[in-house]
């Protein structure tokens, strides 16, 4: 006949004692396994971060390994001539070493036009409705519809917000001083004689 429960007749709860012993034996091992699992996850995460960082270094390292890019040390300068009064530069490792002086005589500027003087930006400048047209020598143009009773602010805003604007900006300038004047100034971003506003 089999024994159905330990400790029968002795008065001791041997089943409970055995379970507690097994639990006491297992706890340190389970804790050690959990720590190893945690450490392994940390290592895997670190390896993933390292791999990502290495991948990010690929492009810079390829640049460093390219002698054509890393050994570029000067610029090729083409002297201006009568057909092309400007100079151009190009980076090249085969260029001769040397120093070059570049002198700028005049910067290209767009056309600038201004209105007559007014007392302030809210002064009404026209009594009847009309069109304000802008055109350049290269054929580009646009216009705005100016309502009767428009002010300098109204016209400047219409010019700057026009969807057809070809590169003209409008601003209001106040000269200040004892006799201040307010003028509407138009400036074209296009340069060159053929693009006069």
Protein backbone atom coordinates (compact mmCIF):
# COMPACT_ATOMS: atom_id res chain seq x y z
CA UNK A 1 0.00 0.00 0.00
CA UNK A 2 1.44 3.40 -1.07
CA UNK A 3 2.01 6.35 1.25
CA UNK A 4 -0.46 9.09 0.40
CA UNK A 5 1.12 11.83 2.50
CA UNK A 6 4.43 12.32 4.21
CA UNK A 7 4.43 12.61 7.97
CA UNK A 8 1.32 10.50 8.61
CA UNK A 9 1.47 9.35 12.17
CA UNK A 10 4.34 11.70 13.07
CA UNK A 11 2.30 14.86 13.32
CA UNK A 12 4.71 16.74 11.02
CA UNK A 13 3.65 18.54 7.82
CA UNK A 14 6.46 17.04 5.74
CA UNK A 15 4.82 18.09 2.43
CA UNK A 16 5.06 21.74 3.45
CA UNK A 17 8.63 21.27 4.66
CA UNK A 18 9.68 19.69 1.36
CA UNK A 19 8.05 22.50 -0.66
CA UNK A 20 9.82 25.13 1.45
CA UNK A 21 13.16 23.34 1.03
CA UNK A 22 12.70 23.12 -2.71
CA UNK A 23 11.70 26.81 -2.84
CA UNK A 24 14.71 27.79 -0.73
CA UNK A 25 16.97 25.78 -3.04
CA UNK A 26 15.41 27.21 -6.18
CA UNK A 27 15.27 30.93 -5.19
CA UNK A 28 19.03 31.71 -5.54
CA UNK A 29 19.22 29.90 -8.86
CA UNK A 30 16.15 31.70 -10.22
CA UNK A 31 17.61 35.02 -9.06
CA UNK A 32 20.92 34.20 -10.76
CA UNK A 33 19.12 33.26 -13.99
CA UNK A 34 17.06 36.46 -13.90
CA UNK A 35 20.25 38.51 -13.42
CA UNK A 36 21.92 36.74 -16.35
CA UNK A 37 18.86 37.40 -18.49
CA UNK A 38 18.89 41.08 -17.54
CA UNK A 39 22.64 41.36 -18.25
CA UNK A 40 22.18 39.63 -21.60
CA UNK A 41 19.43 42.06 -22.60
CA UNK A 42 21.68 44.99 -21.67
CA UNK A 43 24.52 43.53 -23.78
CA UNK A 44 22.20 42.97 -26.74
CA UNK A 45 20.97 46.57 -26.48
CA UNK A 46 24.54 47.86 -26.29
CA UNK A 47 25.53 45.80 -29.33
CA UNK A 48 22.55 47.19 -31.23
CA UNK A 49 23.57 50.75 -30.38
CA UNK A 50 27.17 50.00 -31.43
CA UNK A 51 26.01 48.52 -34.72
CA UNK A 52 23.84 51.59 -35.39
CA UNK A 53 26.78 53.91 -34.62
CA UNK A 54 29.07 51.94 -36.94
CA UNK A 55 26.50 52.16 -39.75
CA UNK A 56 26.38 55.95 -39.30
CA UNK A 57 30.16 56.07 -39.75
CA UNK A 58 30.06 54.35 -43.15
CA UNK A 59 29.41 57.47 -45.24
CA UNK A 60 32.03 59.67 -43.49
CA UNK A 61 34.59 56.86 -43.74
CA UNK A 62 33.87 56.47 -47.46
CA UNK A 63 34.49 60.20 -47.83
CA UNK A 64 37.79 59.89 -45.96
CA UNK A 65 38.80 57.01 -48.21
CA UNK A 66 38.17 59.05 -51.38
CA UNK A 67 41.49 60.68 -52.39
CA UNK A 68 39.81 62.99 -54.90
CA UNK A 69 37.84 64.62 -52.09
CA UNK A 70 40.36 64.49 -49.28
CA UNK A 71 43.33 65.80 -51.26
CA UNK A 72 41.57 68.80 -52.80
CA UNK A 73 43.64 71.77 -51.73
CA UNK A 74 43.10 74.66 -54.12
CA UNK A 75 40.83 76.19 -56.72
CA UNK A 76 41.14 76.50 -60.47
CA UNK A 77 40.47 80.09 -61.48
CA UNK A 78 39.54 81.06 -65.02
CA UNK A 79 40.53 84.64 -65.66
CA UNK A 80 37.75 86.86 -66.98
CA UNK A 81 37.74 87.93 -70.60
CA UNK A 82 35.78 90.43 -72.66
CA UNK A 83 32.95 87.96 -73.33
CA UNK A 84 32.75 86.83 -69.72
CA UNK A 85 33.80 89.51 -67.22
CA UNK A 86 33.31 87.14 -64.30
CA UNK A 87 35.50 84.40 -62.89
CA UNK A 88 34.63 80.88 -61.80
CA UNK A 89 36.35 78.52 -59.34
CA UNK A 90 36.45 74.75 -59.13
CA UNK A 91 37.97 72.64 -56.36
CA UNK A 92 40.66 70.23 -57.57
CA UNK A 93 43.53 68.30 -55.98
CA UNK A 94 45.62 68.80 -59.12
CA UNK A 95 45.59 72.59 -58.82
CA UNK A 96 48.87 74.35 -58.19
CA UNK A 97 49.47 75.73 -54.74
CA UNK A 98 49.25 79.51 -54.53
CA UNK A 99 47.42 82.58 -53.26
CA UNK A 100 44.95 84.53 -55.35
CA UNK A 101 43.65 88.04 -54.82
CA UNK A 102 40.10 88.81 -55.99
CA UNK A 103 38.97 92.40 -56.22
CA UNK A 104 35.27 93.27 -56.42
CA UNK A 105 34.65 96.57 -58.20
CA UNK A 106 30.86 96.60 -57.98
CA UNK A 107 28.12 94.31 -56.70
CA UNK A 108 25.14 93.54 -58.87
CA UNK A 109 21.98 95.17 -57.56
CA UNK A 110 18.39 95.05 -58.64
CA UNK A 111 16.47 98.11 -59.78
CA UNK A 112 15.03 100.39 -57.11
CA UNK A 113 12.19 102.87 -57.58
CA UNK A 114 10.43 105.07 -55.07
CA UNK A 115 7.25 107.09 -54.86
CA UNK A 116 6.90 110.76 -54.08
CA UNK A 117 6.93 111.79 -50.42
CA UNK A 118 3.87 111.33 -48.18
CA UNK A 119 3.23 112.27 -44.57
CA UNK A 120 2.71 108.71 -43.27
CA UNK A 121 2.07 105.13 -44.40
CA UNK A 122 -1.71 105.43 -43.90
CA UNK A 123 -2.14 108.41 -46.20
CA UNK A 124 -4.52 107.82 -49.10
CA UNK A 125 -2.61 108.02 -52.38
CA UNK A 126 -5.34 107.72 -55.03
CA UNK A 127 -8.93 108.83 -55.39
CA UNK A 128 -9.85 106.49 -58.25
CA UNK A 129 -9.31 102.77 -58.85
CA UNK A 130 -6.60 101.66 -61.30
CA UNK A 131 -3.81 99.23 -62.13
CA UNK A 132 -0.19 99.34 -61.01
CA UNK A 133 2.00 97.56 -63.56
CA UNK A 134 5.55 96.24 -63.14
CA UNK A 135 7.70 95.08 -66.06
CA UNK A 136 11.38 94.35 -66.75
CA UNK A 137 13.44 94.43 -69.91
CA UNK A 138 13.42 90.65 -70.22
CA UNK A 139 9.65 90.66 -70.71
CA UNK A 140 8.46 89.48 -67.29
CA UNK A 141 5.64 91.52 -65.80
CA UNK A 142 2.73 91.55 -63.37
CA UNK A 143 0.14 94.02 -62.17
CA UNK A 144 -2.10 94.66 -59.17
CA UNK A 145 -5.55 96.22 -58.98
CA UNK A 146 -5.47 99.27 -56.73
CA UNK A 147 -8.82 100.25 -55.23
CA UNK A 148 -9.88 103.86 -54.78
CA UNK A 149 -8.69 105.29 -51.47
CA UNK A 150 -5.72 102.93 -51.15
CA UNK A 151 -2.92 103.80 -48.73
CA UNK A 152 0.81 103.16 -48.99
CA UNK A 153 0.34 100.17 -46.68
CA UNK A 154 -2.41 98.75 -48.91
CA UNK A 155 -0.26 98.96 -52.05
CA UNK A 156 2.84 97.51 -50.36
CA UNK A 157 0.83 94.58 -49.03
CA UNK A 158 -0.78 93.90 -52.42
CA UNK A 159 2.57 93.88 -54.19
CA UNK A 160 4.23 91.58 -51.67
CA UNK A 161 1.28 89.17 -51.53
CA UNK A 162 0.65 89.04 -55.28
CA UNK A 163 0.77 85.48 -56.63
CA UNK A 164 2.00 86.80 -59.99
CA UNK A 165 4.88 88.77 -58.45
CA UNK A 166 8.04 88.31 -60.56
CA UNK A 167 10.53 89.28 -57.87
CA UNK A 168 9.56 92.78 -56.75
CA UNK A 169 9.35 93.65 -53.06
CA UNK A 170 7.61 96.72 -51.68
CA UNK A 171 8.59 98.47 -48.46
CA UNK A 172 7.72 101.72 -46.71
CA UNK A 173 10.61 103.98 -45.71
CA UNK A 174 10.40 106.89 -43.30
CA UNK A 175 13.33 109.31 -43.49
CA UNK A 176 12.84 110.66 -39.97
CA UNK A 177 14.44 113.91 -38.85
CA UNK A 178 12.81 117.32 -38.41
CA UNK A 179 10.91 117.04 -41.71
CA UNK A 180 10.14 113.31 -42.03
CA UNK A 181 9.01 111.87 -45.35
CA UNK A 182 7.34 108.53 -46.00
CA UNK A 183 7.95 106.85 -49.35
CA UNK A 184 6.90 103.60 -50.98
CA UNK A 185 10.01 101.83 -52.33
CA UNK A 186 10.00 99.03 -54.90
CA UNK A 187 13.08 96.79 -55.25
CA UNK A 188 13.61 94.10 -57.88
CA UNK A 189 15.69 91.05 -57.02
CA UNK A 190 16.67 90.63 -60.68
CA UNK A 191 20.03 92.09 -61.68
CA UNK A 192 21.53 93.08 -65.00
CA UNK A 193 20.85 95.72 -67.62
CA UNK A 194 18.21 93.55 -69.32
CA UNK A 195 16.22 93.27 -66.10
CA UNK A 196 15.73 96.95 -65.33
CA UNK A 197 12.43 97.44 -63.55
